[in-house]
PDB file of N, CA and C in Angstrom:
ATOM      1  N   MET A   1      15.166  -5.669 -32.111  1.00  0.00           N
ATOM      2  CA  MET A   1      13.921  -5.445 -32.848  1.00  0.00           C
ATOM      3  C   MET A   1      13.059  -5.286 -31.875  1.00  0.00           C
ATOM      4  N   ALA A   2      12.319  -4.215 -31.658  1.00  0.00           N
ATOM      5  CA  ALA A   2      11.317  -3.587 -31.323  1.00  0.00           C
ATOM      6  C   ALA A   2      10.148  -3.720 -32.184  1.00  0.00           C
ATOM      7  N   LEU A   3       9.017  -3.969 -31.827  1.00  0.00           N
ATOM      8  CA  LEU A   3       7.707  -3.579 -32.844  1.00  0.00           C
ATOM      9  C   LEU A   3       6.730  -2.802 -32.001  1.00  0.00           C
ATOM     10  N   PHE A   4       6.608  -1.582 -32.975  1.00  0.00           N
ATOM     11  CA  PHE A   4       5.728  -0.458 -32.766  1.00  0.00           C
ATOM     12  C   PHE A   4       4.454  -0.611 -33.438  1.00  0.00           C
ATOM     13  N   PRO A   5       3.161  -0.951 -33.040  1.00  0.00           N
ATOM     14  CA  PRO A   5       2.104  -1.053 -32.890  1.00  0.00           C
ATOM     15  C   PRO A   5       1.458   0.457 -33.731  1.00  0.00           C
ATOM     16  N   LEU A   6       0.986  -0.104 -35.351  1.00  0.00           N
ATOM     17  CA  LEU A   6       0.853   1.638 -35.657  1.00  0.00           C
ATOM     18  C   LEU A   6      -0.976   1.704 -35.610  1.00  0.00           C
ATOM     19  N   GLY A   7      -1.000   2.455 -35.837  1.00  0.00           N
ATOM     20  CA  GLY A   7      -2.409   3.484 -35.673  1.00  0.00           C
ATOM     21  C   GLY A   7      -2.858   4.310 -37.032  1.00  0.00           C
ATOM     22  N   PRO A   8      -3.961   4.857 -36.716  1.00  0.00           N
ATOM     23  CA  PRO A   8      -4.270   5.984 -37.764  1.00  0.00           C
ATOM     24  C   PRO A   8      -3.179   6.990 -38.310  1.00  0.00           C
ATOM     25  N   ARG A   9      -2.274   7.482 -37.393  1.00  0.00           N
ATOM     26  CA  ARG A   9      -1.337   8.382 -37.467  1.00  0.00           C
ATOM     27  C   ARG A   9       0.008   7.865 -38.781  1.00  0.00           C
ATOM     28  N   GLY A  10       0.076   6.914 -38.645  1.00  0.00           N
ATOM     29  CA  GLY A  10       0.773   6.103 -39.607  1.00  0.00           C
ATOM     30  C   GLY A  10       2.337   5.981 -38.504  1.00  0.00           C
ATOM     31  N   ALA A  11       2.984   5.411 -39.694  1.00  0.00           N
ATOM     32  CA  ALA A  11       4.725   5.005 -39.214  1.00  0.00           C
ATOM     33  C   ALA A  11       5.147   6.247 -39.744  1.00  0.00           C
ATOM     34  N   ALA A  12       4.754   7.389 -40.650  1.00  0.00           N
ATOM     35  CA  ALA A  12       5.873   8.215 -41.543  1.00  0.00           C
ATOM     36  C   ALA A  12       6.096   9.471 -40.378  1.00  0.00           C
ATOM     37  N   ARG A  13       5.080   9.236 -39.413  1.00  0.00           N
ATOM     38  CA  ARG A  13       5.260  10.711 -38.054  1.00  0.00           C
ATOM     39  C   ARG A  13       5.696  10.331 -37.103  1.00  0.00           C
ATOM     40  N   ILE A  14       6.351  10.823 -36.079  1.00  0.00           N
ATOM     41  CA  ILE A  14       6.500  10.414 -34.820  1.00  0.00           C
ATOM     42  C   ILE A  14       5.571   9.584 -34.012  1.00  0.00           C
ATOM     43  N   GLU A  15       4.619  10.505 -33.969  1.00  0.00           N
ATOM     44  CA  GLU A  15       3.393  10.042 -32.980  1.00  0.00           C
ATOM     45  C   GLU A  15       2.640   9.278 -33.492  1.00  0.00           C
ATOM     46  N   GLY A  16       2.703   8.805 -34.344  1.00  0.00           N
ATOM     47  CA  GLY A  16       1.923   7.361 -34.930  1.00  0.00           C
ATOM     48  C   GLY A  16       2.708   6.379 -34.269  1.00  0.00           C
ATOM     49  N   ARG A  17       3.985   6.224 -33.958  1.00  0.00           N
ATOM     50  CA  ARG A  17       4.583   5.047 -33.541  1.00  0.00           C
ATOM     51  C   ARG A  17       4.188   4.814 -32.490  1.00  0.00           C
ATOM     52  N   GLY A  18       3.637   3.329 -31.995  1.00  0.00           N
ATOM     53  CA  GLY A  18       3.093   2.707 -30.676  1.00  0.00           C
ATOM     54  C   GLY A  18       1.815   3.065 -30.627  1.00  0.00           C
ATOM     55  N   GLU A  19       1.425   3.750 -31.279  1.00  0.00           N
ATOM     56  CA  GLU A  19      -0.326   3.616 -31.356  1.00  0.00           C
ATOM     57  C   GLU A  19      -1.136   2.631 -32.262  1.00  0.00           C
ATOM     58  N   GLY A  20      -2.084   1.935 -31.585  1.00  0.00           N
ATOM     59  CA  GLY A  20      -3.065   1.347 -32.658  1.00  0.00           C
ATOM     60  C   GLY A  20      -2.985  -0.032 -31.828  1.00  0.00           C
ATOM     61  N   SER A  21      -2.844  -1.200 -33.333  1.00  0.00           N
ATOM     62  CA  SER A  21      -2.724  -2.773 -32.303  1.00  0.00           C
ATOM     63  C   SER A  21      -2.003  -3.645 -33.345  1.00  0.00           C
ATOM     64  N   ILE A  22      -1.363  -4.569 -32.939  1.00  0.00           N
ATOM     65  CA  ILE A  22      -0.823  -6.181 -33.662  1.00  0.00           C
ATOM     66  C   ILE A  22      -1.618  -7.058 -33.959  1.00  0.00           C
ATOM     67  N   ALA A  23      -1.144  -7.644 -34.539  1.00  0.00           N
ATOM     68  CA  ALA A  23      -1.736  -9.227 -34.707  1.00  0.00           C
ATOM     69  C   ALA A  23      -0.680 -10.101 -34.850  1.00  0.00           C
ATOM     70  N   VAL A  24      -0.575 -11.321 -34.502  1.00  0.00           N
ATOM     71  CA  VAL A  24       0.038 -12.745 -33.846  1.00  0.00           C
ATOM     72  C   VAL A  24      -0.214 -13.601 -34.517  1.00  0.00           C
ATOM     73  N   LEU A  25       0.651 -14.402 -35.655  1.00  0.00           N
ATOM     74  CA  LEU A  25      -0.594 -15.875 -36.144  1.00  0.00           C
ATOM     75  C   LEU A  25       0.951 -16.588 -35.656  1.00  0.00           C
ATOM     76  N   PHE A  26       0.742 -17.961 -34.846  1.00  0.00           N
ATOM     77  CA  PHE A  26       1.496 -18.741 -34.747  1.00  0.00           C
ATOM     78  C   PHE A  26       1.661 -19.998 -35.558  1.00  0.00           C
ATOM     79  N   ASP A  27       2.618 -20.399 -36.109  1.00  0.00           N
ATOM     80  CA  ASP A  27       2.849 -21.508 -36.825  1.00  0.00           C
ATOM     81  C   ASP A  27       1.872 -23.291 -35.919  1.00  0.00           C
ATOM     82  N   GLU A  28       2.446 -22.753 -34.707  1.00  0.00           N
ATOM     83  CA  GLU A  28       2.197 -24.012 -34.057  1.00  0.00           C
ATOM     84  C   GLU A  28       1.309 -23.345 -33.137  1.00  0.00           C
ATOM     85  N   ASP A  29       0.102 -23.894 -32.330  1.00  0.00           N
ATOM     86  CA  ASP A  29      -0.358 -23.270 -31.197  1.00  0.00           C
ATOM     87  C   ASP A  29       0.482 -23.693 -30.001  1.00  0.00           C
ATOM     88  N   GLN A  30       0.247 -22.595 -29.229  1.00  0.00           N
ATOM     89  CA  GLN A  30       0.888 -22.177 -27.855  1.00  0.00           C
ATOM     90  C   GLN A  30       0.456 -22.490 -26.536  1.00  0.00           C
ATOM     91  N   PRO A  31       0.894 -22.730 -25.227  1.00  0.00           N
ATOM     92  CA  PRO A  31       0.083 -22.881 -24.148  1.00  0.00           C
ATOM     93  C   PRO A  31       0.133 -21.468 -23.443  1.00  0.00           C
ATOM     94  N   ALA A  32       1.464 -20.952 -23.537  1.00  0.00           N
ATOM     95  CA  ALA A  32       1.596 -19.491 -22.937  1.00  0.00           C
ATOM     96  C   ALA A  32       2.211 -18.423 -24.017  1.00  0.00           C
ATOM     97  N   ILE A  33       2.112 -17.303 -23.756  1.00  0.00           N
ATOM     98  CA  ILE A  33       2.540 -15.984 -24.464  1.00  0.00           C
ATOM     99  C   ILE A  33       3.630 -15.264 -23.407  1.00  0.00           C
ATOM    100  N   GLY A  34       4.414 -14.577 -23.990  1.00  0.00           N
ATOM    101  CA  GLY A  34       5.378 -13.474 -22.889  1.00  0.00           C
ATOM    102  C   GLY A  34       5.883 -12.362 -24.006  1.00  0.00           C
ATOM    103  N   PHE A  35       6.134 -11.499 -23.371  1.00  0.00           N
ATOM    104  CA  PHE A  35       6.606  -9.928 -24.058  1.00  0.00           C
ATOM    105  C   PHE A  35       7.784  -9.212 -23.108  1.00  0.00           C
ATOM    106  N   LEU A  36       8.146  -8.264 -23.611  1.00  0.00           N
ATOM    107  CA  LEU A  36       8.292  -7.038 -22.666  1.00  0.00           C
ATOM    108  C   LEU A  36       7.643  -5.842 -23.393  1.00  0.00           C
ATOM    109  N   LEU A  37       6.889  -5.024 -22.476  1.00  0.00           N
ATOM    110  CA  LEU A  37       6.207  -4.099 -22.924  1.00  0.00           C
ATOM    111  C   LEU A  37       7.152  -2.430 -22.683  1.00  0.00           C
ATOM    112  N   HIS A  38       7.182  -2.020 -23.474  1.00  0.00           N
ATOM    113  CA  HIS A  38       8.096  -0.394 -23.500  1.00  0.00           C
ATOM    114  C   HIS A  38       6.777   0.668 -23.305  1.00  0.00           C
ATOM    115  N   ALA A  39       6.931   1.312 -22.440  1.00  0.00           N
ATOM    116  CA  ALA A  39       5.763   2.053 -22.221  1.00  0.00           C
ATOM    117  C   ALA A  39       6.275   3.252 -21.101  1.00  0.00           C
ATOM    118  N   ALA A  40       5.717   4.328 -21.266  1.00  0.00           N
ATOM    119  CA  ALA A  40       6.086   5.743 -20.623  1.00  0.00           C
ATOM    120  C   ALA A  40       7.501   6.080 -20.668  1.00  0.00           C
ATOM    121  N   TYR A  41       8.037   6.482 -21.531  1.00  0.00           N
ATOM    122  CA  TYR A  41       9.416   6.904 -21.916  1.00  0.00           C
ATOM    123  C   TYR A  41       9.652   8.037 -21.233  1.00  0.00           C
ATOM    124  N   PRO A  42      10.811   8.119 -20.657  1.00  0.00           N
ATOM    125  CA  PRO A  42      11.090   9.186 -19.555  1.00  0.00           C
ATOM    126  C   PRO A  42      10.882  10.830 -20.535  1.00  0.00           C
ATOM    127  N   ALA A  43       9.937  11.849 -20.137  1.00  0.00           N
ATOM    128  CA  ALA A  43       9.917  13.235 -20.429  1.00  0.00           C
ATOM    129  C   ALA A  43      10.963  14.001 -20.165  1.00  0.00           C
ATOM    130  N   PRO A  44      11.478  14.655 -20.746  1.00  0.00           N
ATOM    131  CA  PRO A  44      11.898  15.862 -20.452  1.00  0.00           C
ATOM    132  C   PRO A  44      11.580  16.844 -19.557  1.00  0.00           C
ATOM    133  N   MET A  45      12.488  17.308 -18.607  1.00  0.00           N
ATOM    134  CA  MET A  45      11.842  18.624 -18.102  1.00  0.00           C
ATOM    135  C   MET A  45      10.940  17.918 -16.847  1.00  0.00           C
ATOM    136  N   GLY A  46      10.737  16.890 -16.852  1.00  0.00           N
ATOM    137  CA  GLY A  46       9.886  16.408 -15.813  1.00  0.00           C
ATOM    138  C   GLY A  46       8.261  16.657 -16.218  1.00  0.00           C
ATOM    139  N   HIS A  47       8.222  16.502 -17.371  1.00  0.00           N
ATOM    140  CA  HIS A  47       6.883  16.596 -17.956  1.00  0.00           C
ATOM    141  C   HIS A  47       6.353  15.442 -17.729  1.00  0.00           C
ATOM    142  N   THR A  48       4.656  15.103 -17.056  1.00  0.00           N
ATOM    143  CA  THR A  48       4.212  14.206 -17.032  1.00  0.00           C
ATOM    144  C   THR A  48       3.256  13.157 -18.191  1.00  0.00           C
ATOM    145  N   GLY A  49       2.730  14.268 -19.012  1.00  0.00           N
ATOM    146  CA  GLY A  49       2.105  13.718 -20.081  1.00  0.00           C
ATOM    147  C   GLY A  49       0.913  13.467 -19.388  1.00  0.00           C
ATOM    148  N   PRO A  50      -0.180  12.658 -20.895  1.00  0.00           N
ATOM    149  CA  PRO A  50      -1.200  12.496 -20.410  1.00  0.00           C
ATOM    150  C   PRO A  50      -1.171  11.271 -19.607  1.00  0.00           C
ATOM    151  N   PRO A  51      -2.919  11.102 -19.241  1.00  0.00           N
ATOM    152  CA  PRO A  51      -2.855   9.751 -18.168  1.00  0.00           C
ATOM    153  C   PRO A  51      -2.948   8.511 -19.034  1.00  0.00           C
ATOM    154  N   ARG A  52      -2.298   7.622 -18.338  1.00  0.00           N
ATOM    155  CA  ARG A  52      -2.216   6.417 -19.239  1.00  0.00           C
ATOM    156  C   ARG A  52      -3.193   5.562 -19.416  1.00  0.00           C
ATOM    157  N   GLY A  53      -3.072   4.851 -20.615  1.00  0.00           N
ATOM    158  CA  GLY A  53      -4.636   4.129 -21.266  1.00  0.00           C
ATOM    159  C   GLY A  53      -4.300   2.675 -21.148  1.00  0.00           C
ATOM    160  N   ALA A  54      -5.357   1.566 -21.426  1.00  0.00           N
ATOM    161  CA  ALA A  54      -4.976   0.334 -21.341  1.00  0.00           C
ATOM    162  C   ALA A  54      -4.169  -0.026 -22.487  1.00  0.00           C
ATOM    163  N   ILE A  55      -3.691  -1.383 -22.390  1.00  0.00           N
ATOM    164  CA  ILE A  55      -3.213  -2.624 -23.133  1.00  0.00           C
ATOM    165  C   ILE A  55      -3.920  -3.535 -23.171  1.00  0.00           C
ATOM    166  N   THR A  56      -4.742  -4.025 -24.412  1.00  0.00           N
ATOM    167  CA  THR A  56      -5.482  -5.515 -24.173  1.00  0.00           C
ATOM    168  C   THR A  56      -4.855  -6.291 -24.953  1.00  0.00           C
ATOM    169  N   LEU A  57      -4.542  -7.435 -24.398  1.00  0.00           N
ATOM    170  CA  LEU A  57      -4.019  -8.676 -25.273  1.00  0.00           C
ATOM    171  C   LEU A  57      -5.201  -9.812 -25.432  1.00  0.00           C
ATOM    172  N   THR A  58      -5.522 -10.203 -26.094  1.00  0.00           N
ATOM    173  CA  THR A  58      -6.565 -10.808 -26.315  1.00  0.00           C
ATOM    174  C   THR A  58      -5.904 -12.435 -27.189  1.00  0.00           C
ATOM    175  N   ALA A  59      -5.827 -13.525 -26.550  1.00  0.00           N
ATOM    176  CA  ALA A  59      -5.209 -14.789 -27.002  1.00  0.00           C
ATOM    177  C   ALA A  59      -6.718 -15.298 -28.091  1.00  0.00           C
ATOM    178  N   TYR A  60      -6.187 -16.347 -29.093  1.00  0.00           N
ATOM    179  CA  TYR A  60      -7.130 -16.707 -29.665  1.00  0.00           C
ATOM    180  C   TYR A  60      -6.876 -18.178 -30.451  1.00  0.00           C
ATOM    181  N   ALA A  61      -7.983 -19.101 -30.248  1.00  0.00           N
ATOM    182  CA  ALA A  61      -7.858 -20.550 -30.958  1.00  0.00           C
ATOM    183  C   ALA A  61      -7.667 -20.428 -32.363  1.00  0.00           C
ATOM    184  N   ARG A  62      -7.286 -21.343 -33.120  1.00  0.00           N
ATOM    185  CA  ARG A  62      -7.165 -21.582 -34.694  1.00  0.00           C
ATOM    186  C   ARG A  62      -8.563 -21.133 -35.023  1.00  0.00           C
ATOM    187  N   ASN A  63      -9.382 -21.349 -34.575  1.00  0.00           N
ATOM    188  CA  ASN A  63     -11.246 -21.194 -35.578  1.00  0.00           C
ATOM    189  C   ASN A  63     -11.085 -19.620 -35.131  1.00  0.00           C
ATOM    190  N   GLY A  64     -10.352 -19.002 -34.522  1.00  0.00           N
ATOM    191  CA  GLY A  64     -10.639 -17.576 -33.958  1.00  0.00           C
ATOM    192  C   GLY A  64     -11.531 -17.286 -32.866  1.00  0.00           C
ATOM    193  N   GLN A  65     -11.785 -18.342 -31.888  1.00  0.00           N
ATOM    194  CA  GLN A  65     -12.782 -18.215 -30.634  1.00  0.00           C
ATOM    195  C   GLN A  65     -11.593 -17.385 -29.619  1.00  0.00           C
ATOM    196  N   SER A  66     -12.205 -16.556 -29.450  1.00  0.00           N
ATOM    197  CA  SER A  66     -11.357 -16.066 -28.131  1.00  0.00           C
ATOM    198  C   SER A  66     -11.217 -16.786 -27.087  1.00  0.00           C
ATOM    199  N   LEU A  67      -9.980 -16.654 -26.573  1.00  0.00           N
ATOM    200  CA  LEU A  67      -9.600 -17.968 -25.460  1.00  0.00           C
ATOM    201  C   LEU A  67      -9.524 -16.768 -23.856  1.00  0.00           C
ATOM    202  N   GLY A  68      -9.153 -15.564 -24.341  1.00  0.00           N
ATOM    203  CA  GLY A  68      -9.205 -15.217 -22.883  1.00  0.00           C
ATOM    204  C   GLY A  68      -8.424 -13.428 -23.109  1.00  0.00           C
ATOM    205  N   GLN A  69      -8.392 -12.574 -21.932  1.00  0.00           N
ATOM    206  CA  GLN A  69      -8.166 -11.233 -22.269  1.00  0.00           C
ATOM    207  C   GLN A  69      -7.173 -10.984 -21.089  1.00  0.00           C
ATOM    208  N   MET A  70      -6.327 -10.126 -21.374  1.00  0.00           N
ATOM    209  CA  MET A  70      -5.372  -9.623 -20.222  1.00  0.00           C
ATOM    210  C   MET A  70      -5.534  -7.828 -20.406  1.00  0.00           C
ATOM    211  N   VAL A  71      -5.745  -7.061 -19.511  1.00  0.00           N
ATOM    212  CA  VAL A  71      -5.693  -5.837 -19.847  1.00  0.00           C
ATOM    213  C   VAL A  71      -4.645  -5.145 -18.787  1.00  0.00           C
ATOM    214  N   VAL A  72      -4.000  -4.384 -19.066  1.00  0.00           N
ATOM    215  CA  VAL A  72      -2.890  -3.578 -18.337  1.00  0.00           C
ATOM    216  C   VAL A  72      -2.807  -2.460 -18.514  1.00  0.00           C
ATOM    217  N   ILE A  73      -2.360  -1.641 -17.183  1.00  0.00           N
ATOM    218  CA  ILE A  73      -2.174   0.247 -17.706  1.00  0.00           C
ATOM    219  C   ILE A  73      -0.766  -0.238 -17.330  1.00  0.00           C
ATOM    220  N   PRO A  74       0.243   0.417 -18.219  1.00  0.00           N
ATOM    221  CA  PRO A  74       1.292  -0.060 -18.312  1.00  0.00           C
ATOM    222  C   PRO A  74       1.660   1.031 -17.041  1.00  0.00           C
ATOM    223  N   GLY A  75       3.062   0.931 -16.444  1.00  0.00           N
ATOM    224  CA  GLY A  75       3.667   1.744 -15.535  1.00  0.00           C
ATOM    225  C   GLY A  75       4.938   2.267 -16.484  1.00  0.00           C
ATOM    226  N   THR A  76       5.724   2.802 -15.562  1.00  0.00           N
ATOM    227  CA  THR A  76       7.097   3.533 -16.278  1.00  0.00           C
ATOM    228  C   THR A  76       8.032   2.582 -16.684  1.00  0.00           C
ATOM    229  N   GLY A  77       8.478   3.018 -18.014  1.00  0.00           N
ATOM    230  CA  GLY A  77       9.875   1.705 -18.303  1.00  0.00           C
ATOM    231  C   GLY A  77       9.042   0.466 -18.752  1.00  0.00           C
ATOM    232  N   VAL A  78       9.935  -0.414 -18.936  1.00  0.00           N
ATOM    233  CA  VAL A  78       9.689  -1.737 -19.280  1.00  0.00           C
ATOM    234  C   VAL A  78       9.204  -2.751 -18.356  1.00  0.00           C
ATOM    235  N   GLU A  79       8.338  -3.539 -18.838  1.00  0.00           N
ATOM    236  CA  GLU A  79       7.316  -4.425 -17.865  1.00  0.00           C
ATOM    237  C   GLU A  79       7.750  -5.806 -18.427  1.00  0.00           C
ATOM    238  N   ARG A  80       7.758  -6.908 -17.776  1.00  0.00           N
ATOM    239  CA  ARG A  80       7.795  -8.166 -18.286  1.00  0.00           C
ATOM    240  C   ARG A  80       6.002  -8.634 -17.889  1.00  0.00           C
ATOM    241  N   LEU A  81       5.636  -8.955 -19.162  1.00  0.00           N
ATOM    242  CA  LEU A  81       4.326  -9.487 -18.815  1.00  0.00           C
ATOM    243  C   LEU A  81       3.925 -11.072 -19.812  1.00  0.00           C
ATOM    244  N   ALA A  82       3.285 -11.689 -19.244  1.00  0.00           N
ATOM    245  CA  ALA A  82       3.224 -13.143 -19.734  1.00  0.00           C
ATOM    246  C   ALA A  82       1.389 -13.557 -19.433  1.00  0.00           C
ATOM    247  N   TRP A  83       0.838 -14.315 -20.089  1.00  0.00           N
ATOM    248  CA  TRP A  83      -0.623 -14.878 -19.857  1.00  0.00           C
ATOM    249  C   TRP A  83       0.048 -16.085 -20.758  1.00  0.00           C
ATOM    250  N   ARG A  84      -0.932 -16.753 -20.195  1.00  0.00           N
ATOM    251  CA  ARG A  84      -1.221 -18.530 -20.356  1.00  0.00           C
ATOM    252  C   ARG A  84      -2.060 -18.895 -20.072  1.00  0.00           C
ATOM    253  N   ARG A  85      -2.710 -20.411 -20.596  1.00  0.00           N
ATOM    254  CA  ARG A  85      -3.618 -20.914 -20.857  1.00  0.00           C
ATOM    255  C   ARG A  85      -3.867 -21.963 -19.147  1.00  0.00           C
ATOM    256  N   ALA A  86      -5.065 -21.934 -19.164  1.00  0.00           N
ATOM    257  CA  ALA A  86      -5.389 -22.701 -17.735  1.00  0.00           C
ATOM    258  C   ALA A  86      -4.928 -24.287 -18.136  1.00  0.00           C
ATOM    259  N   GLY A  87      -4.133 -24.579 -16.898  1.00  0.00           N
ATOM    260  CA  GLY A  87      -3.427 -26.150 -17.401  1.00  0.00           C
ATOM    261  C   GLY A  87      -2.577 -26.110 -18.506  1.00  0.00           C
ATOM    262  N   LEU A  88      -2.137 -24.829 -18.948  1.00  0.00           N
ATOM    263  CA  LEU A  88      -1.279 -24.841 -20.438  1.00  0.00           C
ATOM    264  C   LEU A  88      -1.461 -25.441 -21.588  1.00  0.00           C
ATOM    265  N   ALA A  89      -2.658 -25.809 -21.540  1.00  0.00           N
ATOM    266  CA  ALA A  89      -3.572 -25.943 -22.995  1.00  0.00           C
ATOM    267  C   ALA A  89      -2.864 -25.594 -24.104  1.00  0.00           C
ATOM    268  N   ARG A  90      -2.207 -26.326 -24.807  1.00  0.00           N
ATOM    269  CA  ARG A  90      -1.757 -25.984 -26.082  1.00  0.00           C
ATOM    270  C   ARG A  90      -2.738 -25.552 -27.343  1.00  0.00           C
ATOM    271  N   ASP A  91      -3.361 -24.528 -27.190  1.00  0.00           N
ATOM    272  CA  ASP A  91      -4.358 -23.843 -28.248  1.00  0.00           C
ATOM    273  C   ASP A  91      -4.341 -22.492 -28.609  1.00  0.00           C
ATOM    274  N   VAL A  92      -3.162 -22.064 -28.361  1.00  0.00           N
ATOM    275  CA  VAL A  92      -3.332 -20.450 -28.561  1.00  0.00           C
ATOM    276  C   VAL A  92      -2.695 -20.304 -30.200  1.00  0.00           C
ATOM    277  N   ALA A  93      -3.767 -19.919 -30.540  1.00  0.00           N
ATOM    278  CA  ALA A  93      -3.287 -19.954 -32.198  1.00  0.00           C
ATOM    279  C   ALA A  93      -2.874 -18.251 -32.534  1.00  0.00           C
ATOM    280  N   GLY A  94      -2.689 -17.872 -31.821  1.00  0.00           N
ATOM    281  CA  GLY A  94      -2.266 -16.396 -32.113  1.00  0.00           C
ATOM    282  C   GLY A  94      -2.784 -15.420 -30.961  1.00  0.00           C
ATOM    283  N   PHE A  95      -2.771 -13.952 -31.125  1.00  0.00           N
ATOM    284  CA  PHE A  95      -3.130 -12.848 -30.129  1.00  0.00           C
ATOM    285  C   PHE A  95      -3.000 -11.611 -31.069  1.00  0.00           C
ATOM    286  N   THR A  96      -3.852 -10.670 -30.356  1.00  0.00           N
ATOM    287  CA  THR A  96      -3.863  -9.145 -30.757  1.00  0.00           C
ATOM    288  C   THR A  96      -3.190  -8.784 -29.518  1.00  0.00           C
ATOM    289  N   ILE A  97      -2.703  -7.351 -29.595  1.00  0.00           N
ATOM    290  CA  ILE A  97      -2.442  -6.230 -28.744  1.00  0.00           C
ATOM    291  C   ILE A  97      -3.119  -5.204 -29.260  1.00  0.00           C
ATOM    292  N   GLU A  98      -3.956  -4.394 -28.377  1.00  0.00           N
ATOM    293  CA  GLU A  98      -4.492  -3.074 -28.598  1.00  0.00           C
ATOM    294  C   GLU A  98      -4.594  -2.008 -27.616  1.00  0.00           C
ATOM    295  N   ASN A  99      -3.762  -1.090 -28.092  1.00  0.00           N
ATOM    296  CA  ASN A  99      -3.315   0.016 -27.086  1.00  0.00           C
ATOM    297  C   ASN A  99      -3.906   1.424 -27.370  1.00  0.00           C
ATOM    298  N   ILE A 100      -4.600   1.934 -26.046  1.00  0.00           N
ATOM    299  CA  ILE A 100      -5.307   2.913 -26.162  1.00  0.00           C
ATOM    300  C   ILE A 100      -4.656   4.016 -25.645  1.00  0.00           C
ATOM    301  N   ASP A 101      -2.876   3.517 -24.928  1.00  0.00           N
ATOM    302  CA  ASP A 101      -2.317   4.351 -24.222  1.00  0.00           C
ATOM    303  C   ASP A 101      -1.816   5.724 -25.176  1.00  0.00           C
ATOM    304  N   PRO A 102      -2.084   6.594 -24.395  1.00  0.00           N
ATOM    305  CA  PRO A 102      -1.795   7.822 -25.698  1.00  0.00           C
ATOM    306  C   PRO A 102      -0.175   8.395 -26.046  1.00  0.00           C
ATOM    307  N   GLY A 103       0.848   7.671 -24.723  1.00  0.00           N
ATOM    308  CA  GLY A 103       1.998   7.656 -25.270  1.00  0.00           C
ATOM    309  C   GLY A 103       2.779   6.633 -25.909  1.00  0.00           C
ATOM    310  N   GLY A 104       2.003   5.917 -26.532  1.00  0.00           N
ATOM    311  CA  GLY A 104       2.364   4.735 -27.158  1.00  0.00           C
ATOM    312  C   GLY A 104       3.156   3.548 -26.567  1.00  0.00           C
ATOM    313  N   ILE A 105       3.282   2.587 -27.706  1.00  0.00           N
ATOM    314  CA  ILE A 105       4.226   1.481 -26.553  1.00  0.00           C
ATOM    315  C   ILE A 105       5.098   0.743 -27.618  1.00  0.00           C
ATOM    316  N   ALA A 106       5.909  -0.152 -27.156  1.00  0.00           N
ATOM    317  CA  ALA A 106       6.914  -0.948 -28.168  1.00  0.00           C
ATOM    318  C   ALA A 106       6.455  -2.341 -27.481  1.00  0.00           C
ATOM    319  N   LEU A 107       6.678  -3.377 -28.326  1.00  0.00           N
ATOM    320  CA  LEU A 107       6.865  -4.800 -27.655  1.00  0.00           C
ATOM    321  C   LEU A 107       8.353  -5.090 -28.090  1.00  0.00           C
ATOM    322  N   ASP A 108       9.005  -6.134 -27.330  1.00  0.00           N
ATOM    323  CA  ASP A 108      10.220  -6.875 -27.753  1.00  0.00           C
ATOM    324  C   ASP A 108       9.862  -8.086 -27.092  1.00  0.00           C
ATOM    325  N   ASP A 109      10.988  -8.872 -27.449  1.00  0.00           N
ATOM    326  CA  ASP A 109      11.186 -10.083 -27.060  1.00  0.00           C
ATOM    327  C   ASP A 109       9.957 -11.177 -26.757  1.00  0.00           C
ATOM    328  N   ILE A 110       8.851 -10.890 -27.950  1.00  0.00           N
ATOM    329  CA  ILE A 110       8.133 -12.146 -27.757  1.00  0.00           C
ATOM    330  C   ILE A 110       8.174 -13.515 -27.463  1.00  0.00           C
ATOM    331  N   LEU A 111       8.047 -14.273 -26.467  1.00  0.00           N
ATOM    332  CA  LEU A 111       8.210 -15.776 -26.135  1.00  0.00           C
ATOM    333  C   LEU A 111       7.002 -16.105 -26.385  1.00  0.00           C
ATOM    334  N   TYR A 112       7.393 -17.695 -27.169  1.00  0.00           N
ATOM    335  CA  TYR A 112       6.850 -18.586 -27.230  1.00  0.00           C
ATOM    336  C   TYR A 112       7.357 -19.791 -27.367  1.00  0.00           C
ATOM    337  N   ALA A 113       6.560 -21.008 -27.125  1.00  0.00           N
ATOM    338  CA  ALA A 113       7.508 -22.456 -27.462  1.00  0.00           C
ATOM    339  C   ALA A 113       7.980 -22.796 -28.834  1.00  0.00           C
ATOM    340  N   LYS A 114       9.100 -23.320 -28.803  1.00  0.00           N
ATOM    341  CA  LYS A 114       9.462 -23.691 -30.466  1.00  0.00           C
ATOM    342  C   LYS A 114       9.961 -25.249 -30.032  1.00  0.00           C
ATOM    343  N   PRO A 115       9.433 -25.785 -31.525  1.00  0.00           N
ATOM    344  CA  PRO A 115       9.954 -27.424 -31.645  1.00  0.00           C
ATOM    345  C   PRO A 115      11.221 -27.740 -31.300  1.00  0.00           C
ATOM    346  N   ILE A 116      11.231 -28.723 -30.581  1.00  0.00           N
ATOM    347  CA  ILE A 116      12.891 -29.260 -30.347  1.00  0.00           C
ATOM    348  C   ILE A 116      13.194 -29.685 -31.395  1.00  0.00           C
ATOM    349  N   PRO A 117      14.664 -29.104 -31.782  1.00  0.00           N
ATOM    350  CA  PRO A 117      15.209 -29.580 -33.540  1.00  0.00           C
ATOM    351  C   PRO A 117      15.584 -30.849 -32.738  1.00  0.00           C
ATOM    352  N   LEU A 118      15.503 -31.794 -34.082  1.00  0.00           N
ATOM    353  CA  LEU A 118      15.714 -33.388 -34.238  1.00  0.00           C
ATOM    354  C   LEU A 118      17.168 -33.287 -34.936  1.00  0.00           C
ATOM    355  N   GLY A 119      17.967 -34.250 -34.516  1.00  0.00           N
ATOM    356  CA  GLY A 119      19.078 -34.674 -35.023  1.00  0.00           C
ATOM    357  C   GLY A 119      20.423 -33.797 -35.099  1.00  0.00           C
TER     358      GLY A 119
END
């Protein structure tokens, strides 16, 4: 299942899928985040479309303090992206992804640490 950030055009319109932003809050603080970014779907008949826009990931501490950012201009297809805290400090409570890429994006396979099950 892929996640499409929603913006002002909304999910009801095909051009609204993949615009806008998402926010993720973890139950337990994390040292790193990873995900697949789907962007720049192939256009029919060689149409190139508008210039690429930026995707900004911002990580936050539990108190809302910004811990850092990663800005990416996506290429064509699927990219594996990751962001981690220096020294792998476990203090990332959540993150946002803001998208100004006019082609829209989808996020898949969001990776995060899970507690080891006991028993």
